[in-house]
Amino acid sequence: MVPWWITARASLVGERRKAFDALVLLIAWTTWKEHNRRTFDNIARSEDELFLAAREEALELVAAGFSKLAGIFSQ
């Protein structure tokens, strides 16, 4: 794991730690998809659009039953 991640999650317990881990992975996944979009499709989203895309993906995960993000992202 990345040192900052270990340090940041050490202060959290239980469900908050799981939610934090899920959020970090969601941001990494969204960033990776944006990298691919820019590299292969030559299309770039603004920071606001990228945030909204991450939020939408989080809401879809929550709707599919991934409850760890429910406390962070709600409709």
PDB file of N, CA and C in Angstrom:
ATOM      1  N   MET A   1       0.825  -1.187   0.000  1.00  0.00           N
ATOM      2  CA  MET A   1       0.000   0.000   0.000  1.00  0.00           C
ATOM      3  C   MET A   1       0.872   1.254   0.000  1.00  0.00           C
ATOM      4  N   VAL A   2       0.263   2.301  -0.428  1.00  0.00           N
ATOM      5  CA  VAL A   2       0.939   3.588  -0.455  1.00  0.00           C
ATOM      6  C   VAL A   2       1.033   4.132   0.977  1.00  0.00           C
ATOM      7  N   PRO A   3       2.192   4.668   1.377  1.00  0.00           N
ATOM      8  CA  PRO A   3       2.342   5.141   2.770  1.00  0.00           C
ATOM      9  C   PRO A   3       1.286   6.138   3.230  1.00  0.00           C
ATOM     10  N   TRP A   4       0.884   7.104   2.402  1.00  0.00           N
ATOM     11  CA  TRP A   4      -0.120   8.082   2.844  1.00  0.00           C
ATOM     12  C   TRP A   4      -1.450   7.400   3.111  1.00  0.00           C
ATOM     13  N   TRP A   5      -1.753   6.352   2.336  1.00  0.00           N
ATOM     14  CA  TRP A   5      -3.009   5.633   2.508  1.00  0.00           C
ATOM     15  C   TRP A   5      -3.012   4.917   3.858  1.00  0.00           C
ATOM     16  N   ILE A   6      -1.904   4.273   4.172  1.00  0.00           N
ATOM     17  CA  ILE A   6      -1.789   3.564   5.449  1.00  0.00           C
ATOM     18  C   ILE A   6      -1.925   4.551   6.608  1.00  0.00           C
ATOM     19  N   THR A   7      -1.260   5.683   6.503  1.00  0.00           N
ATOM     20  CA  THR A   7      -1.315   6.692   7.558  1.00  0.00           C
ATOM     21  C   THR A   7      -2.726   7.254   7.711  1.00  0.00           C
ATOM     22  N   ALA A   8      -3.362   7.581   6.594  1.00  0.00           N
ATOM     23  CA  ALA A   8      -4.701   8.176   6.632  1.00  0.00           C
ATOM     24  C   ALA A   8      -5.734   7.202   7.189  1.00  0.00           C
ATOM     25  N   ARG A   9      -5.660   5.944   6.788  1.00  0.00           N
ATOM     26  CA  ARG A   9      -6.678   4.987   7.226  1.00  0.00           C
ATOM     27  C   ARG A   9      -6.453   4.513   8.658  1.00  0.00           C
ATOM     28  N   ALA A  10      -5.240   4.716   9.201  1.00  0.00           N
ATOM     29  CA  ALA A  10      -4.942   4.271  10.565  1.00  0.00           C
ATOM     30  C   ALA A  10      -5.798   4.989  11.611  1.00  0.00           C
ATOM     31  N   SER A  11      -6.229   6.196  11.290  1.00  0.00           N
ATOM     32  CA  SER A  11      -7.036   6.947  12.262  1.00  0.00           C
ATOM     33  C   SER A  11      -8.521   6.606  12.182  1.00  0.00           C
ATOM     34  N   LEU A  12      -8.881   5.751  11.244  1.00  0.00           N
ATOM     35  CA  LEU A  12     -10.282   5.376  11.072  1.00  0.00           C
ATOM     36  C   LEU A  12     -10.519   3.957  11.576  1.00  0.00           C
ATOM     37  N   VAL A  13     -11.753   3.674  11.933  1.00  0.00           N
ATOM     38  CA  VAL A  13     -12.087   2.330  12.409  1.00  0.00           C
ATOM     39  C   VAL A  13     -13.322   1.812  11.694  1.00  0.00           C
ATOM     40  N   GLY A  14     -13.435   0.514  11.670  1.00  0.00           N
ATOM     41  CA  GLY A  14     -14.630  -0.166  11.191  1.00  0.00           C
ATOM     42  C   GLY A  14     -15.116   0.264   9.824  1.00  0.00           C
ATOM     43  N   GLU A  15     -16.391   0.629   9.786  1.00  0.00           N
ATOM     44  CA  GLU A  15     -17.038   0.989   8.528  1.00  0.00           C
ATOM     45  C   GLU A  15     -16.429   2.234   7.896  1.00  0.00           C
ATOM     46  N   ARG A  16     -15.954   3.161   8.721  1.00  0.00           N
ATOM     47  CA  ARG A  16     -15.323   4.374   8.161  1.00  0.00           C
ATOM     48  C   ARG A  16     -14.053   4.014   7.398  1.00  0.00           C
ATOM     49  N   ARG A  17     -13.286   3.060   7.908  1.00  0.00           N
ATOM     50  CA  ARG A  17     -12.074   2.621   7.218  1.00  0.00           C
ATOM     51  C   ARG A  17     -12.436   1.959   5.897  1.00  0.00           C
ATOM     52  N   LYS A  18     -13.455   1.131   5.901  1.00  0.00           N
ATOM     53  CA  LYS A  18     -13.891   0.461   4.671  1.00  0.00           C
ATOM     54  C   LYS A  18     -14.393   1.480   3.654  1.00  0.00           C
ATOM     55  N   ALA A  19     -15.136   2.477   4.125  1.00  0.00           N
ATOM     56  CA  ALA A  19     -15.638   3.521   3.231  1.00  0.00           C
ATOM     57  C   ALA A  19     -14.487   4.336   2.656  1.00  0.00           C
ATOM     58  N   PHE A  20     -13.492   4.645   3.485  1.00  0.00           N
ATOM     59  CA  PHE A  20     -12.327   5.382   3.012  1.00  0.00           C
ATOM     60  C   PHE A  20     -11.584   4.592   1.942  1.00  0.00           C
ATOM     61  N   ASP A  21     -11.357   3.304   2.191  1.00  0.00           N
ATOM     62  CA  ASP A  21     -10.690   2.456   1.204  1.00  0.00           C
ATOM     63  C   ASP A  21     -11.464   2.424  -0.110  1.00  0.00           C
ATOM     64  N   ALA A  22     -12.782   2.287  -0.009  1.00  0.00           N
ATOM     65  CA  ALA A  22     -13.619   2.252  -1.216  1.00  0.00           C
ATOM     66  C   ALA A  22     -13.531   3.576  -1.963  1.00  0.00           C
ATOM     67  N   LEU A  23     -13.514   4.676  -1.238  1.00  0.00           N
ATOM     68  CA  LEU A  23     -13.427   5.997  -1.868  1.00  0.00           C
ATOM     69  C   LEU A  23     -12.084   6.172  -2.584  1.00  0.00           C
ATOM     70  N   VAL A  24     -10.999   5.772  -1.956  1.00  0.00           N
ATOM     71  CA  VAL A  24      -9.683   5.883  -2.585  1.00  0.00           C
ATOM     72  C   VAL A  24      -9.638   5.048  -3.868  1.00  0.00           C
ATOM     73  N   LEU A  25     -10.164   3.839  -3.811  1.00  0.00           N
ATOM     74  CA  LEU A  25     -10.179   2.985  -5.001  1.00  0.00           C
ATOM     75  C   LEU A  25     -11.073   3.561  -6.094  1.00  0.00           C
ATOM     76  N   LEU A  26     -12.194   4.142  -5.707  1.00  0.00           N
ATOM     77  CA  LEU A  26     -13.079   4.771  -6.683  1.00  0.00           C
ATOM     78  C   LEU A  26     -12.380   5.936  -7.380  1.00  0.00           C
ATOM     79  N   ILE A  27     -11.668   6.750  -6.630  1.00  0.00           N
ATOM     80  CA  ILE A  27     -10.955   7.882  -7.218  1.00  0.00           C
ATOM     81  C   ILE A  27      -9.852   7.384  -8.149  1.00  0.00           C
ATOM     82  N   ALA A  28      -9.132   6.358  -7.730  1.00  0.00           N
ATOM     83  CA  ALA A  28      -8.082   5.795  -8.586  1.00  0.00           C
ATOM     84  C   ALA A  28      -8.672   5.242  -9.875  1.00  0.00           C
ATOM     85  N   TRP A  29      -9.799   4.529  -9.775  1.00  0.00           N
ATOM     86  CA  TRP A  29     -10.449   3.947 -10.950  1.00  0.00           C
ATOM     87  C   TRP A  29     -10.951   5.039 -11.896  1.00  0.00           C
ATOM     88  N   THR A  30     -11.569   6.071 -11.345  1.00  0.00           N
ATOM     89  CA  THR A  30     -12.073   7.175 -12.162  1.00  0.00           C
ATOM     90  C   THR A  30     -10.924   7.905 -12.852  1.00  0.00           C
ATOM     91  N   THR A  31      -9.835   8.095 -12.127  1.00  0.00           N
ATOM     92  CA  THR A  31      -8.659   8.751 -12.704  1.00  0.00           C
ATOM     93  C   THR A  31      -8.060   7.915 -13.822  1.00  0.00           C
ATOM     94  N   TRP A  32      -7.994   6.603 -13.621  1.00  0.00           N
ATOM     95  CA  TRP A  32      -7.461   5.708 -14.649  1.00  0.00           C
ATOM     96  C   TRP A  32      -8.328   5.747 -15.915  1.00  0.00           C
ATOM     97  N   LYS A  33      -9.643   5.731 -15.735  1.00  0.00           N
ATOM     98  CA  LYS A  33     -10.532   5.790 -16.899  1.00  0.00           C
ATOM     99  C   LYS A  33     -10.391   7.124 -17.625  1.00  0.00           C
ATOM    100  N   GLU A  34     -10.196   8.203 -16.880  1.00  0.00           N
ATOM    101  CA  GLU A  34      -9.991   9.509 -17.511  1.00  0.00           C
ATOM    102  C   GLU A  34      -8.667   9.535 -18.265  1.00  0.00           C
ATOM    103  N   HIS A  35      -7.645   8.942 -17.688  1.00  0.00           N
ATOM    104  CA  HIS A  35      -6.353   8.829 -18.387  1.00  0.00           C
ATOM    105  C   HIS A  35      -6.533   8.127 -19.724  1.00  0.00           C
ATOM    106  N   ASN A  36      -7.247   7.012 -19.711  1.00  0.00           N
ATOM    107  CA  ASN A  36      -7.482   6.266 -20.959  1.00  0.00           C
ATOM    108  C   ASN A  36      -8.305   7.086 -21.950  1.00  0.00           C
ATOM    109  N   ARG A  37      -9.299   7.802 -21.473  1.00  0.00           N
ATOM    110  CA  ARG A  37     -10.131   8.637 -22.346  1.00  0.00           C
ATOM    111  C   ARG A  37      -9.258   9.692 -23.027  1.00  0.00           C
ATOM    112  N   ARG A  38      -8.385  10.320 -22.256  1.00  0.00           N
ATOM    113  CA  ARG A  38      -7.513  11.360 -22.824  1.00  0.00           C
ATOM    114  C   ARG A  38      -6.490  10.761 -23.782  1.00  0.00           C
ATOM    115  N   THR A  39      -5.944   9.602 -23.437  1.00  0.00           N
ATOM    116  CA  THR A  39      -4.903   8.979 -24.247  1.00  0.00           C
ATOM    117  C   THR A  39      -5.446   8.400 -25.541  1.00  0.00           C
ATOM    118  N   PHE A  40      -6.533   7.651 -25.462  1.00  0.00           N
ATOM    119  CA  PHE A  40      -7.007   6.902 -26.618  1.00  0.00           C
ATOM    120  C   PHE A  40      -8.114   7.600 -27.399  1.00  0.00           C
ATOM    121  N   ASP A  41      -8.920   8.416 -26.727  1.00  0.00           N
ATOM    122  CA  ASP A  41     -10.035   9.075 -27.403  1.00  0.00           C
ATOM    123  C   ASP A  41      -9.802  10.564 -27.626  1.00  0.00           C
ATOM    124  N   ASN A  42      -8.727  11.079 -27.053  1.00  0.00           N
ATOM    125  CA  ASN A  42      -8.392  12.499 -27.164  1.00  0.00           C
ATOM    126  C   ASN A  42      -9.542  13.395 -26.669  1.00  0.00           C
ATOM    127  N   ILE A  43     -10.179  12.948 -25.581  1.00  0.00           N
ATOM    128  CA  ILE A  43     -11.290  13.683 -24.968  1.00  0.00           C
ATOM    129  C   ILE A  43     -10.931  13.909 -23.499  1.00  0.00           C
ATOM    130  N   ALA A  44     -11.045  15.146 -23.060  1.00  0.00           N
ATOM    131  CA  ALA A  44     -10.724  15.462 -21.670  1.00  0.00           C
ATOM    132  C   ALA A  44     -11.939  16.077 -20.985  1.00  0.00           C
ATOM    133  N   ARG A  45     -12.200  15.618 -19.773  1.00  0.00           N
ATOM    134  CA  ARG A  45     -13.261  16.201 -18.960  1.00  0.00           C
ATOM    135  C   ARG A  45     -12.667  17.281 -18.074  1.00  0.00           C
ATOM    136  N   SER A  46     -13.503  18.232 -17.693  1.00  0.00           N
ATOM    137  CA  SER A  46     -13.075  19.238 -16.722  1.00  0.00           C
ATOM    138  C   SER A  46     -13.045  18.579 -15.342  1.00  0.00           C
ATOM    139  N   GLU A  47     -12.482  19.273 -14.374  1.00  0.00           N
ATOM    140  CA  GLU A  47     -12.443  18.748 -13.008  1.00  0.00           C
ATOM    141  C   GLU A  47     -13.854  18.535 -12.466  1.00  0.00           C
ATOM    142  N   ASP A  48     -14.751  19.462 -12.761  1.00  0.00           N
ATOM    143  CA  ASP A  48     -16.137  19.322 -12.304  1.00  0.00           C
ATOM    144  C   ASP A  48     -16.804  18.110 -12.945  1.00  0.00           C
ATOM    145  N   GLU A  49     -16.582  17.920 -14.236  1.00  0.00           N
ATOM    146  CA  GLU A  49     -17.158  16.767 -14.935  1.00  0.00           C
ATOM    147  C   GLU A  49     -16.601  15.457 -14.380  1.00  0.00           C
ATOM    148  N   LEU A  50     -15.320  15.465 -14.059  1.00  0.00           N
ATOM    149  CA  LEU A  50     -14.685  14.274 -13.510  1.00  0.00           C
ATOM    150  C   LEU A  50     -15.261  13.945 -12.131  1.00  0.00           C
ATOM    151  N   PHE A  51     -15.470  14.960 -11.307  1.00  0.00           N
ATOM    152  CA  PHE A  51     -16.084  14.748 -10.003  1.00  0.00           C
ATOM    153  C   PHE A  51     -17.496  14.175 -10.164  1.00  0.00           C
ATOM    154  N   LEU A  52     -18.273  14.750 -11.068  1.00  0.00           N
ATOM    155  CA  LEU A  52     -19.637  14.260 -11.287  1.00  0.00           C
ATOM    156  C   LEU A  52     -19.642  12.821 -11.796  1.00  0.00           C
ATOM    157  N   ALA A  53     -18.674  12.475 -12.649  1.00  0.00           N
ATOM    158  CA  ALA A  53     -18.573  11.097 -13.147  1.00  0.00           C
ATOM    159  C   ALA A  53     -18.251  10.142 -12.004  1.00  0.00           C
ATOM    160  N   ALA A  54     -17.352  10.547 -11.107  1.00  0.00           N
ATOM    161  CA  ALA A  54     -17.011   9.706  -9.957  1.00  0.00           C
ATOM    162  C   ALA A  54     -18.217   9.550  -9.038  1.00  0.00           C
ATOM    163  N   ARG A  55     -18.941  10.636  -8.837  1.00  0.00           N
ATOM    164  CA  ARG A  55     -20.136  10.580  -7.993  1.00  0.00           C
ATOM    165  C   ARG A  55     -21.188   9.657  -8.601  1.00  0.00           C
ATOM    166  N   GLU A  56     -21.395   9.773  -9.902  1.00  0.00           N
ATOM    167  CA  GLU A  56     -22.364   8.915 -10.584  1.00  0.00           C
ATOM    168  C   GLU A  56     -21.978   7.443 -10.459  1.00  0.00           C
ATOM    169  N   GLU A  57     -20.698   7.148 -10.638  1.00  0.00           N
ATOM    170  CA  GLU A  57     -20.247   5.766 -10.493  1.00  0.00           C
ATOM    171  C   GLU A  57     -20.446   5.276  -9.066  1.00  0.00           C
ATOM    172  N   ALA A  58     -20.194   6.135  -8.087  1.00  0.00           N
ATOM    173  CA  ALA A  58     -20.408   5.766  -6.694  1.00  0.00           C
ATOM    174  C   ALA A  58     -21.879   5.467  -6.432  1.00  0.00           C
ATOM    175  N   LEU A  59     -22.766   6.298  -6.960  1.00  0.00           N
ATOM    176  CA  LEU A  59     -24.202   6.060  -6.778  1.00  0.00           C
ATOM    177  C   LEU A  59     -24.644   4.754  -7.430  1.00  0.00           C
ATOM    178  N   GLU A  60     -24.058   4.444  -8.575  1.00  0.00           N
ATOM    179  CA  GLU A  60     -24.371   3.169  -9.234  1.00  0.00           C
ATOM    180  C   GLU A  60     -23.894   1.992  -8.390  1.00  0.00           C
ATOM    181  N   LEU A  61     -22.718   2.118  -7.796  1.00  0.00           N
ATOM    182  CA  LEU A  61     -22.210   1.055  -6.929  1.00  0.00           C
ATOM    183  C   LEU A  61     -23.095   0.887  -5.700  1.00  0.00           C
ATOM    184  N   VAL A  62     -23.533   1.999  -5.113  1.00  0.00           N
ATOM    185  CA  VAL A  62     -24.423   1.933  -3.953  1.00  0.00           C
ATOM    186  C   VAL A  62     -25.743   1.264  -4.347  1.00  0.00           C
ATOM    187  N   ALA A  63     -26.292   1.641  -5.500  1.00  0.00           N
ATOM    188  CA  ALA A  63     -27.549   1.045  -5.972  1.00  0.00           C
ATOM    189  C   ALA A  63     -27.401  -0.451  -6.233  1.00  0.00           C
ATOM    190  N   ALA A  64     -26.194  -0.871  -6.607  1.00  0.00           N
ATOM    191  CA  ALA A  64     -25.944  -2.284  -6.874  1.00  0.00           C
ATOM    192  C   ALA A  64     -25.664  -3.073  -5.599  1.00  0.00           C
ATOM    193  N   GLY A  65     -25.664  -2.372  -4.441  1.00  0.00           N
ATOM    194  CA  GLY A  65     -25.503  -3.064  -3.179  1.00  0.00           C
ATOM    195  C   GLY A  65     -24.169  -2.853  -2.488  1.00  0.00           C
ATOM    196  N   PHE A  66     -23.306  -2.022  -3.042  1.00  0.00           N
ATOM    197  CA  PHE A  66     -22.018  -1.751  -2.411  1.00  0.00           C
ATOM    198  C   PHE A  66     -22.220  -0.687  -1.351  1.00  0.00           C
ATOM    199  N   SER A  67     -22.584  -1.123  -0.176  1.00  0.00           N
ATOM    200  CA  SER A  67     -23.044  -0.225   0.878  1.00  0.00           C
ATOM    201  C   SER A  67     -21.941   0.624   1.514  1.00  0.00           C
ATOM    202  N   LYS A  68     -20.688   0.263   1.313  1.00  0.00           N
ATOM    203  CA  LYS A  68     -19.604   1.009   1.971  1.00  0.00           C
ATOM    204  C   LYS A  68     -19.572   2.470   1.567  1.00  0.00           C
ATOM    205  N   LEU A  69     -19.976   2.772   0.336  1.00  0.00           N
ATOM    206  CA  LEU A  69     -19.974   4.150  -0.152  1.00  0.00           C
ATOM    207  C   LEU A  69     -21.258   4.902   0.173  1.00  0.00           C
ATOM    208  N   ALA A  70     -22.248   4.214   0.693  1.00  0.00           N
ATOM    209  CA  ALA A  70     -23.550   4.836   0.935  1.00  0.00           C
ATOM    210  C   ALA A  70     -23.453   5.999   1.914  1.00  0.00           C
ATOM    211  N   GLY A  71     -22.584   5.917   2.905  1.00  0.00           N
ATOM    212  CA  GLY A  71     -22.449   6.989   3.872  1.00  0.00           C
ATOM    213  C   GLY A  71     -21.769   8.223   3.319  1.00  0.00           C
ATOM    214  N   ILE A  72     -21.037   8.054   2.223  1.00  0.00           N
ATOM    215  CA  ILE A  72     -20.322   9.175   1.614  1.00  0.00           C
ATOM    216  C   ILE A  72     -21.140   9.792   0.500  1.00  0.00           C
ATOM    217  N   PHE A  73     -21.710   8.934  -0.340  1.00  0.00           N
ATOM    218  CA  PHE A  73     -22.480   9.395  -1.495  1.00  0.00           C
ATOM    219  C   PHE A  73     -23.919   8.975  -1.332  1.00  0.00           C
ATOM    220  N   SER A  74     -24.811   9.944  -1.324  1.00  0.00           N
ATOM    221  CA  SER A  74     -26.235   9.643  -1.299  1.00  0.00           C
ATOM    222  C   SER A  74     -26.927  10.557  -2.292  1.00  0.00           C
ATOM    223  N   GLN A  75     -28.077  10.156  -2.719  1.00  0.00           N
ATOM    224  CA  GLN A  75     -28.779  10.918  -3.751  1.00  0.00           C
ATOM    225  C   GLN A  75     -29.502  12.105  -3.190  1.00  0.00           C
TER     226      GLN A  75
END
